[in-house]
């Protein structure tokens, strides 16, 4: 069973709930360092991945996106300014999608076909976003996370690939991040902060469980999560506790994950023409 390896390609400060894009120039970028390490790790395991690239990063760091593309990885969209979709107006979301598409296409010559909302922020009540994705040529979405979390998640969502209806009634392929199932509860085993918080054995158990069900898993990680000594900035305590927790453990655990399971890009695993 081949699973999908995905990367929400953003810099360290963009995961800190700092939503004022016009203030981002004050922060020192470190994404080039993370990018090199991730590409080396993927190359070591002969693995292709899907990079959901933030539009701001594509505009400011086009060389990195070009390197990722030339290495044979899929480039998807992560929106432009790391705004939660359910906090945007439809016209604002459309502007973000169009701007990110233009940035990515100017670098790769390819239209992105996959989207992942920042902080998995397409939830019940914001299905209008699927119409905008379809209008802009997207073939799949990976923004639903069937767990309970104070910032995101829609527990009633299907755990595996399914067609989901936009407000118009049109449908798009939905590819949720992997959850394990224990005592009737969905456990977030598909990456991110959960990958750092849980012992590695929990992630391994979750992926083995879904693979035994003949389902491919979907794993995600942020580049800044491999930084053992990241910069510090002011943020709410609830964000600080997860953002900096056990960052030094990530690379070793990723190396083991890529040894224990086979991975490829979303397009390859789910049969999309990219």
C-alpha atoms as a PDB file:
ATOM      1  CA  UNK A   1       0.000   0.000   0.000  1.00  0.00           C
ATOM      2  CA  UNK A   2       1.373   3.385  -1.040  1.00  0.00           C
ATOM      3  CA  UNK A   3       0.509   6.339   1.167  1.00  0.00           C
ATOM      4  CA  UNK A   4       0.568  10.065   0.387  1.00  0.00           C
ATOM      5  CA  UNK A   5       3.268  12.287   1.891  1.00  0.00           C
ATOM      6  CA  UNK A   6       2.316  15.955   2.021  1.00  0.00           C
ATOM      7  CA  UNK A   7       4.051  19.127   3.180  1.00  0.00           C
ATOM      8  CA  UNK A   8       2.288  22.370   4.054  1.00  0.00           C
ATOM      9  CA  UNK A   9       5.063  24.567   2.690  1.00  0.00           C
ATOM     10  CA  UNK A  10       5.222  27.645   4.908  1.00  0.00           C
ATOM     11  CA  UNK A  11       7.814  29.463   7.031  1.00  0.00           C
ATOM     12  CA  UNK A  12       8.064  29.212  10.819  1.00  0.00           C
ATOM     13  CA  UNK A  13       6.225  32.434  11.667  1.00  0.00           C
ATOM     14  CA  UNK A  14       3.315  31.668   9.345  1.00  0.00           C
ATOM     15  CA  UNK A  15       2.223  28.877  11.650  1.00  0.00           C
ATOM     16  CA  UNK A  16       2.061  31.231  14.645  1.00  0.00           C
ATOM     17  CA  UNK A  17      -1.330  32.806  13.871  1.00  0.00           C
ATOM     18  CA  UNK A  18       0.308  36.031  12.706  1.00  0.00           C
ATOM     19  CA  UNK A  19      -2.228  36.925  10.037  1.00  0.00           C
ATOM     20  CA  UNK A  20      -0.978  40.388   9.034  1.00  0.00           C
ATOM     21  CA  UNK A  21       0.906  39.616   5.836  1.00  0.00           C
ATOM     22  CA  UNK A  22       2.261  43.157   5.663  1.00  0.00           C
ATOM     23  CA  UNK A  23       4.187  42.459   8.904  1.00  0.00           C
ATOM     24  CA  UNK A  24       5.867  39.277   7.724  1.00  0.00           C
ATOM     25  CA  UNK A  25       8.872  41.090   6.265  1.00  0.00           C
ATOM     26  CA  UNK A  26      10.020  41.702   9.851  1.00  0.00           C
ATOM     27  CA  UNK A  27      10.712  38.002  10.378  1.00  0.00           C
ATOM     28  CA  UNK A  28      13.863  36.264   9.220  1.00  0.00           C
ATOM     29  CA  UNK A  29      13.086  33.484   6.797  1.00  0.00           C
ATOM     30  CA  UNK A  30      14.428  29.988   7.426  1.00  0.00           C
ATOM     31  CA  UNK A  31      12.429  28.062   4.853  1.00  0.00           C
ATOM     32  CA  UNK A  32      15.349  27.553   2.475  1.00  0.00           C
ATOM     33  CA  UNK A  33      17.152  25.577   5.187  1.00  0.00           C
ATOM     34  CA  UNK A  34      14.081  23.456   5.936  1.00  0.00           C
ATOM     35  CA  UNK A  35      13.485  22.873   2.242  1.00  0.00           C
ATOM     36  CA  UNK A  36      16.982  21.501   1.653  1.00  0.00           C
ATOM     37  CA  UNK A  37      16.680  19.100   4.585  1.00  0.00           C
ATOM     38  CA  UNK A  38      13.276  17.816   3.490  1.00  0.00           C
ATOM     39  CA  UNK A  39      14.369  17.309  -0.102  1.00  0.00           C
ATOM     40  CA  UNK A  40      17.461  15.415   1.053  1.00  0.00           C
ATOM     41  CA  UNK A  41      15.328  13.176   3.263  1.00  0.00           C
ATOM     42  CA  UNK A  42      12.830  12.476   0.486  1.00  0.00           C
ATOM     43  CA  UNK A  43      15.635  11.768  -1.958  1.00  0.00           C
ATOM     44  CA  UNK A  44      17.262   9.383   0.528  1.00  0.00           C
ATOM     45  CA  UNK A  45      14.047   7.330   0.558  1.00  0.00           C
ATOM     46  CA  UNK A  46      13.352   7.779  -3.177  1.00  0.00           C
ATOM     47  CA  UNK A  47      10.010   9.358  -2.281  1.00  0.00           C
ATOM     48  CA  UNK A  48       7.913  11.907  -4.136  1.00  0.00           C
ATOM     49  CA  UNK A  49       5.634  14.209  -2.143  1.00  0.00           C
ATOM     50  CA  UNK A  50       2.999  16.891  -2.548  1.00  0.00           C
ATOM     51  CA  UNK A  51       4.039  20.363  -1.416  1.00  0.00           C
ATOM     52  CA  UNK A  52       1.028  22.568  -0.658  1.00  0.00           C
ATOM     53  CA  UNK A  53       2.784  25.883  -1.196  1.00  0.00           C
ATOM     54  CA  UNK A  54       1.698  29.115   0.433  1.00  0.00           C
ATOM     55  CA  UNK A  55       1.256  31.796  -2.223  1.00  0.00           C
ATOM     56  CA  UNK A  56       3.285  34.315  -0.229  1.00  0.00           C
ATOM     57  CA  UNK A  57       6.210  31.884  -0.156  1.00  0.00           C
ATOM     58  CA  UNK A  58       5.913  31.229  -3.896  1.00  0.00           C
ATOM     59  CA  UNK A  59       6.154  34.972  -4.562  1.00  0.00           C
ATOM     60  CA  UNK A  60       9.053  35.585  -2.176  1.00  0.00           C
ATOM     61  CA  UNK A  61      10.985  32.329  -2.687  1.00  0.00           C
ATOM     62  CA  UNK A  62      10.326  31.225  -6.304  1.00  0.00           C
ATOM     63  CA  UNK A  63      13.717  29.497  -6.502  1.00  0.00           C
ATOM     64  CA  UNK A  64      12.663  26.995  -3.821  1.00  0.00           C
ATOM     65  CA  UNK A  65       9.411  26.180  -5.589  1.00  0.00           C
ATOM     66  CA  UNK A  66      11.339  25.694  -8.828  1.00  0.00           C
ATOM     67  CA  UNK A  67      13.777  23.310  -7.105  1.00  0.00           C
ATOM     68  CA  UNK A  68      10.905  21.291  -5.609  1.00  0.00           C
ATOM     69  CA  UNK A  69       9.143  21.118  -8.978  1.00  0.00           C
ATOM     70  CA  UNK A  70      12.287  20.078 -10.852  1.00  0.00           C
ATOM     71  CA  UNK A  71      12.855  17.314  -8.283  1.00  0.00           C
ATOM     72  CA  UNK A  72       9.591  15.770  -9.483  1.00  0.00           C
ATOM     73  CA  UNK A  73       7.307  16.642  -6.576  1.00  0.00           C
ATOM     74  CA  UNK A  74       3.718  17.771  -6.962  1.00  0.00           C
ATOM     75  CA  UNK A  75       2.996  21.442  -6.236  1.00  0.00           C
ATOM     76  CA  UNK A  76      -0.398  22.207  -4.698  1.00  0.00           C
ATOM     77  CA  UNK A  77      -1.864  25.341  -3.157  1.00  0.00           C
ATOM     78  CA  UNK A  78      -2.002  26.294   0.524  1.00  0.00           C
ATOM     79  CA  UNK A  79      -3.762  29.603  -0.096  1.00  0.00           C
ATOM     80  CA  UNK A  80      -1.928  32.910  -0.010  1.00  0.00           C
ATOM     81  CA  UNK A  81      -1.782  34.463   3.449  1.00  0.00           C
ATOM     82  CA  UNK A  82      -2.379  31.501   5.785  1.00  0.00           C
ATOM     83  CA  UNK A  83      -5.832  32.809   6.632  1.00  0.00           C
ATOM     84  CA  UNK A  84      -8.457  30.442   7.961  1.00  0.00           C
ATOM     85  CA  UNK A  85     -10.956  29.945   5.157  1.00  0.00           C
ATOM     86  CA  UNK A  86     -14.021  30.175   7.375  1.00  0.00           C
ATOM     87  CA  UNK A  87     -12.907  33.679   8.431  1.00  0.00           C
ATOM     88  CA  UNK A  88     -12.716  34.913   4.828  1.00  0.00           C
ATOM     89  CA  UNK A  89     -15.443  36.218   2.560  1.00  0.00           C
ATOM     90  CA  UNK A  90     -15.872  34.226  -0.671  1.00  0.00           C
ATOM     91  CA  UNK A  91     -14.442  37.067  -2.766  1.00  0.00           C
ATOM     92  CA  UNK A  92     -11.403  37.278  -0.470  1.00  0.00           C
ATOM     93  CA  UNK A  93     -10.822  33.545  -0.725  1.00  0.00           C
ATOM     94  CA  UNK A  94     -11.115  33.695  -4.501  1.00  0.00           C
ATOM     95  CA  UNK A  95      -8.522  36.484  -4.618  1.00  0.00           C
ATOM     96  CA  UNK A  96      -6.129  34.354  -2.540  1.00  0.00           C
ATOM     97  CA  UNK A  97      -6.638  31.333  -4.805  1.00  0.00           C
ATOM     98  CA  UNK A  98      -6.112  33.304  -8.019  1.00  0.00           C
ATOM     99  CA  UNK A  99      -2.995  35.041  -6.688  1.00  0.00           C
ATOM    100  CA  UNK A 100      -1.469  31.767  -5.514  1.00  0.00           C
ATOM    101  CA  UNK A 101      -2.306  30.038  -8.800  1.00  0.00           C
ATOM    102  CA  UNK A 102      -0.589  32.818 -10.732  1.00  0.00           C
ATOM    103  CA  UNK A 103       2.526  32.619  -8.543  1.00  0.00           C
ATOM    104  CA  UNK A 104       2.826  28.837  -8.845  1.00  0.00           C
ATOM    105  CA  UNK A 105       2.115  28.730 -12.585  1.00  0.00           C
ATOM    106  CA  UNK A 106       4.685  31.442 -13.294  1.00  0.00           C
ATOM    107  CA  UNK A 107       7.317  29.172 -11.724  1.00  0.00           C
ATOM    108  CA  UNK A 108       6.274  25.664 -12.762  1.00  0.00           C
ATOM    109  CA  UNK A 109       4.170  26.240 -15.864  1.00  0.00           C
ATOM    110  CA  UNK A 110       1.598  23.918 -14.292  1.00  0.00           C
ATOM    111  CA  UNK A 111      -1.759  24.689 -12.748  1.00  0.00           C
ATOM    112  CA  UNK A 112      -2.036  23.267  -9.211  1.00  0.00           C
ATOM    113  CA  UNK A 113      -4.778  20.646  -8.978  1.00  0.00           C
ATOM    114  CA  UNK A 114      -4.823  20.139  -5.190  1.00  0.00           C
ATOM    115  CA  UNK A 115      -5.619  22.480  -2.312  1.00  0.00           C
ATOM    116  CA  UNK A 116      -5.174  22.311   1.436  1.00  0.00           C
ATOM    117  CA  UNK A 117      -6.610  25.080   3.576  1.00  0.00           C
ATOM    118  CA  UNK A 118      -4.366  26.607   6.255  1.00  0.00           C
ATOM    119  CA  UNK A 119      -5.145  24.999   9.615  1.00  0.00           C
ATOM    120  CA  UNK A 120      -7.611  22.615   7.873  1.00  0.00           C
ATOM    121  CA  UNK A 121     -10.097  25.474   7.909  1.00  0.00           C
ATOM    122  CA  UNK A 122     -12.777  24.334   5.503  1.00  0.00           C
ATOM    123  CA  UNK A 123     -15.436  23.193   7.931  1.00  0.00           C
ATOM    124  CA  UNK A 124     -19.197  22.774   8.021  1.00  0.00           C
ATOM    125  CA  UNK A 125     -20.647  26.112   6.925  1.00  0.00           C
ATOM    126  CA  UNK A 126     -17.835  27.052   4.554  1.00  0.00           C
ATOM    127  CA  UNK A 127     -18.551  24.613   1.735  1.00  0.00           C
ATOM    128  CA  UNK A 128     -18.862  27.624  -0.571  1.00  0.00           C
ATOM    129  CA  UNK A 129     -15.081  27.325  -0.799  1.00  0.00           C
ATOM    130  CA  UNK A 130     -15.413  24.148  -2.865  1.00  0.00           C
ATOM    131  CA  UNK A 131     -17.263  26.067  -5.584  1.00  0.00           C
ATOM    132  CA  UNK A 132     -14.391  28.546  -5.758  1.00  0.00           C
ATOM    133  CA  UNK A 133     -11.847  25.724  -5.984  1.00  0.00           C
ATOM    134  CA  UNK A 134     -13.820  24.080  -8.789  1.00  0.00           C
ATOM    135  CA  UNK A 135     -14.184  27.406 -10.612  1.00  0.00           C
ATOM    136  CA  UNK A 136     -10.396  27.747 -10.444  1.00  0.00           C
ATOM    137  CA  UNK A 137      -9.640  24.321 -11.898  1.00  0.00           C
ATOM    138  CA  UNK A 138      -8.930  22.251  -8.791  1.00  0.00           C
ATOM    139  CA  UNK A 139      -9.456  18.491  -8.881  1.00  0.00           C
ATOM    140  CA  UNK A 140      -9.147  17.669  -5.191  1.00  0.00           C
ATOM    141  CA  UNK A 141      -9.179  19.173  -1.723  1.00  0.00           C
ATOM    142  CA  UNK A 142      -7.394  17.942   1.408  1.00  0.00           C
ATOM    143  CA  UNK A 143      -8.746  20.385   3.992  1.00  0.00           C
ATOM    144  CA  UNK A 144     -11.129  18.243   6.018  1.00  0.00           C
ATOM    145  CA  UNK A 145      -9.798  16.729   9.233  1.00  0.00           C
ATOM    146  CA  UNK A 146     -12.293  14.364  10.932  1.00  0.00           C
ATOM    147  CA  UNK A 147     -11.240  15.159  14.500  1.00  0.00           C
ATOM    148  CA  UNK A 148     -12.271  17.524  17.269  1.00  0.00           C
ATOM    149  CA  UNK A 149      -9.902  20.481  17.640  1.00  0.00           C
ATOM    150  CA  UNK A 150     -10.466  24.006  18.922  1.00  0.00           C
ATOM    151  CA  UNK A 151      -9.150  25.554  15.665  1.00  0.00           C
ATOM    152  CA  UNK A 152     -10.334  23.125  13.027  1.00  0.00           C
ATOM    153  CA  UNK A 153     -11.829  19.734  12.350  1.00  0.00           C
ATOM    154  CA  UNK A 154     -15.171  18.303  11.370  1.00  0.00           C
ATOM    155  CA  UNK A 155     -15.690  15.072  13.251  1.00  0.00           C
ATOM    156  CA  UNK A 156     -18.646  13.993  11.078  1.00  0.00           C
ATOM    157  CA  UNK A 157     -16.545  14.027   7.920  1.00  0.00           C
ATOM    158  CA  UNK A 158     -15.737  10.723   6.244  1.00  0.00           C
ATOM    159  CA  UNK A 159     -12.282   9.461   7.222  1.00  0.00           C
ATOM    160  CA  UNK A 160     -11.292   8.381   3.722  1.00  0.00           C
ATOM    161  CA  UNK A 161     -11.473   9.615   0.149  1.00  0.00           C
ATOM    162  CA  UNK A 162     -14.968  10.718  -0.825  1.00  0.00           C
ATOM    163  CA  UNK A 163     -16.819  13.152  -3.019  1.00  0.00           C
ATOM    164  CA  UNK A 164     -18.044  16.220  -1.173  1.00  0.00           C
ATOM    165  CA  UNK A 165     -20.697  18.650  -2.366  1.00  0.00           C
ATOM    166  CA  UNK A 166     -20.191  22.386  -2.652  1.00  0.00           C
ATOM    167  CA  UNK A 167     -23.045  24.765  -1.942  1.00  0.00           C
ATOM    168  CA  UNK A 168     -23.968  24.650  -5.636  1.00  0.00           C
ATOM    169  CA  UNK A 169     -24.308  20.862  -5.566  1.00  0.00           C
ATOM    170  CA  UNK A 170     -21.167  20.300  -7.644  1.00  0.00           C
ATOM    171  CA  UNK A 171     -18.699  17.820  -6.181  1.00  0.00           C
ATOM    172  CA  UNK A 172     -14.963  17.674  -5.603  1.00  0.00           C
ATOM    173  CA  UNK A 173     -12.701  14.866  -4.420  1.00  0.00           C
ATOM    174  CA  UNK A 174     -12.015  15.203  -0.684  1.00  0.00           C
ATOM    175  CA  UNK A 175      -8.897  13.550   0.739  1.00  0.00           C
ATOM    176  CA  UNK A 176      -8.792  13.801   4.563  1.00  0.00           C
ATOM    177  CA  UNK A 177      -5.589  13.461   6.553  1.00  0.00           C
ATOM    178  CA  UNK A 178      -5.294  10.071   8.230  1.00  0.00           C
ATOM    179  CA  UNK A 179      -6.959   9.263  11.520  1.00  0.00           C
ATOM    180  CA  UNK A 180      -6.839   6.035  13.482  1.00  0.00           C
ATOM    181  CA  UNK A 181      -9.935   4.621  15.101  1.00  0.00           C
ATOM    182  CA  UNK A 182     -10.029   3.485  18.730  1.00  0.00           C
ATOM    183  CA  UNK A 183     -13.119   2.800  20.864  1.00  0.00           C
ATOM    184  CA  UNK A 184     -15.299   4.688  18.412  1.00  0.00           C
ATOM    185  CA  UNK A 185     -13.108   7.812  18.443  1.00  0.00           C
ATOM    186  CA  UNK A 186     -10.980   9.236  15.622  1.00  0.00           C
ATOM    187  CA  UNK A 187      -7.368   9.755  16.677  1.00  0.00           C
ATOM    188  CA  UNK A 188      -5.193  12.260  14.762  1.00  0.00           C
ATOM    189  CA  UNK A 189      -2.235  10.149  13.658  1.00  0.00           C
ATOM    190  CA  UNK A 190      -1.559  11.776  10.288  1.00  0.00           C
ATOM    191  CA  UNK A 191       1.207  14.196  11.209  1.00  0.00           C
ATOM    192  CA  UNK A 192       1.773  17.784  12.289  1.00  0.00           C
ATOM    193  CA  UNK A 193       1.975  18.536  15.994  1.00  0.00           C
ATOM    194  CA  UNK A 194       0.363  15.167  16.694  1.00  0.00           C
ATOM    195  CA  UNK A 195       3.373  13.457  15.115  1.00  0.00           C
ATOM    196  CA  UNK A 196       5.623  15.256  17.598  1.00  0.00           C
ATOM    197  CA  UNK A 197       3.337  14.803  20.628  1.00  0.00           C
ATOM    198  CA  UNK A 198       2.495  11.115  20.150  1.00  0.00           C
ATOM    199  CA  UNK A 199       5.155   8.414  20.440  1.00  0.00           C
ATOM    200  CA  UNK A 200       6.119   7.192  16.967  1.00  0.00           C
ATOM    201  CA  UNK A 201       4.381   3.880  17.691  1.00  0.00           C
ATOM    202  CA  UNK A 202       0.997   5.643  17.585  1.00  0.00           C
ATOM    203  CA  UNK A 203       1.571   6.936  14.054  1.00  0.00           C
ATOM    204  CA  UNK A 204       2.827   3.534  12.947  1.00  0.00           C
ATOM    205  CA  UNK A 205      -0.240   1.849  14.457  1.00  0.00           C
ATOM    206  CA  UNK A 206      -2.588   4.300  12.729  1.00  0.00           C
ATOM    207  CA  UNK A 207      -1.085   3.834   9.282  1.00  0.00           C
ATOM    208  CA  UNK A 208      -0.990   0.065   9.656  1.00  0.00           C
ATOM    209  CA  UNK A 209      -4.647   0.137  10.660  1.00  0.00           C
ATOM    210  CA  UNK A 210      -5.814   2.074   7.603  1.00  0.00           C
ATOM    211  CA  UNK A 211      -3.561   0.116   5.244  1.00  0.00           C
ATOM    212  CA  UNK A 212      -5.086  -3.142   6.518  1.00  0.00           C
ATOM    213  CA  UNK A 213      -8.419  -1.636   5.506  1.00  0.00           C
ATOM    214  CA  UNK A 214      -6.972  -1.286   1.969  1.00  0.00           C
ATOM    215  CA  UNK A 215      -6.935   2.490   2.371  1.00  0.00           C
ATOM    216  CA  UNK A 216      -3.931   4.724   1.632  1.00  0.00           C
ATOM    217  CA  UNK A 217      -2.923   6.999   4.471  1.00  0.00           C
ATOM    218  CA  UNK A 218      -2.246  10.719   4.101  1.00  0.00           C
ATOM    219  CA  UNK A 219       0.555  12.217   6.182  1.00  0.00           C
ATOM    220  CA  UNK A 220       1.363  15.917   6.581  1.00  0.00           C
ATOM    221  CA  UNK A 221       4.184  17.952   8.067  1.00  0.00           C
ATOM    222  CA  UNK A 222       5.323  21.589   8.091  1.00  0.00           C
ATOM    223  CA  UNK A 223       8.926  22.431   7.139  1.00  0.00           C
ATOM    224  CA  UNK A 224       9.509  24.384  10.372  1.00  0.00           C
ATOM    225  CA  UNK A 225       8.705  21.263  12.402  1.00  0.00           C
ATOM    226  CA  UNK A 226      12.148  19.864  11.635  1.00  0.00           C
ATOM    227  CA  UNK A 227      13.905  22.885  13.182  1.00  0.00           C
ATOM    228  CA  UNK A 228      15.429  21.917  16.531  1.00  0.00           C
ATOM    229  CA  UNK A 229      16.328  25.512  17.438  1.00  0.00           C
ATOM    230  CA  UNK A 230      13.673  27.817  15.927  1.00  0.00           C
ATOM    231  CA  UNK A 231      13.350  31.567  16.445  1.00  0.00           C
ATOM    232  CA  UNK A 232      10.980  32.690  19.184  1.00  0.00           C
ATOM    233  CA  UNK A 233       8.222  35.261  18.988  1.00  0.00           C
ATOM    234  CA  UNK A 234       5.261  36.292  21.088  1.00  0.00           C
ATOM    235  CA  UNK A 235       2.170  34.167  20.588  1.00  0.00           C
ATOM    236  CA  UNK A 236      -0.752  32.876  22.649  1.00  0.00           C
ATOM    237  CA  UNK A 237       0.268  30.227  25.185  1.00  0.00           C
ATOM    238  CA  UNK A 238      -2.005  27.638  23.570  1.00  0.00           C
ATOM    239  CA  UNK A 239      -0.104  28.089  20.281  1.00  0.00           C
ATOM    240  CA  UNK A 240       3.315  28.189  21.936  1.00  0.00           C
ATOM    241  CA  UNK A 241       2.755  24.866  23.705  1.00  0.00           C
ATOM    242  CA  UNK A 242       2.247  22.960  20.445  1.00  0.00           C
ATOM    243  CA  UNK A 243       4.327  25.039  18.036  1.00  0.00           C
ATOM    244  CA  UNK A 244       7.626  24.426  19.849  1.00  0.00           C
ATOM    245  CA  UNK A 245       6.925  21.018  21.386  1.00  0.00           C
ATOM    246  CA  UNK A 246       9.567  18.359  20.622  1.00  0.00           C
ATOM    247  CA  UNK A 247      10.726  19.902  17.353  1.00  0.00           C
ATOM    248  CA  UNK A 248      14.076  18.181  17.753  1.00  0.00           C
ATOM    249  CA  UNK A 249      12.439  14.747  17.442  1.00  0.00           C
ATOM    250  CA  UNK A 250      10.847  15.288  14.032  1.00  0.00           C
ATOM    251  CA  UNK A 251      13.609  14.440  11.554  1.00  0.00           C
ATOM    252  CA  UNK A 252      14.479  11.148  13.221  1.00  0.00           C
ATOM    253  CA  UNK A 253      10.823  10.123  13.328  1.00  0.00           C
ATOM    254  CA  UNK A 254      10.297  11.140   9.697  1.00  0.00           C
ATOM    255  CA  UNK A 255      13.262   9.024   8.664  1.00  0.00           C
ATOM    256  CA  UNK A 256      11.710   6.033  10.426  1.00  0.00           C
ATOM    257  CA  UNK A 257       8.272   6.675   8.937  1.00  0.00           C
ATOM    258  CA  UNK A 258       9.693   6.771   5.407  1.00  0.00           C
ATOM    259  CA  UNK A 259      11.555   3.519   6.124  1.00  0.00           C
ATOM    260  CA  UNK A 260       8.511   1.722   7.540  1.00  0.00           C
ATOM    261  CA  UNK A 261       5.979   2.782   4.895  1.00  0.00           C
ATOM    262  CA  UNK A 262       5.956   3.547   1.191  1.00  0.00           C
ATOM    263  CA  UNK A 263       4.891   7.057   0.187  1.00  0.00           C
ATOM    264  CA  UNK A 264       4.356   9.139  -2.935  1.00  0.00           C
ATOM    265  CA  UNK A 265       2.559  12.319  -3.974  1.00  0.00           C
ATOM    266  CA  UNK A 266      -1.202  12.730  -3.706  1.00  0.00           C
ATOM    267  CA  UNK A 267      -1.514  12.793  -7.508  1.00  0.00           C
ATOM    268  CA  UNK A 268       0.365   9.491  -7.818  1.00  0.00           C
ATOM    269  CA  UNK A 269      -1.433   7.717  -4.974  1.00  0.00           C
ATOM    270  CA  UNK A 270      -4.951   8.741  -5.959  1.00  0.00           C
ATOM    271  CA  UNK A 271      -4.541   8.700  -9.731  1.00  0.00           C
ATOM    272  CA  UNK A 272      -4.826  12.383 -10.647  1.00  0.00           C
ATOM    273  CA  UNK A 273      -3.288  13.655 -13.860  1.00  0.00           C
ATOM    274  CA  UNK A 274      -0.756  16.299 -12.862  1.00  0.00           C
END
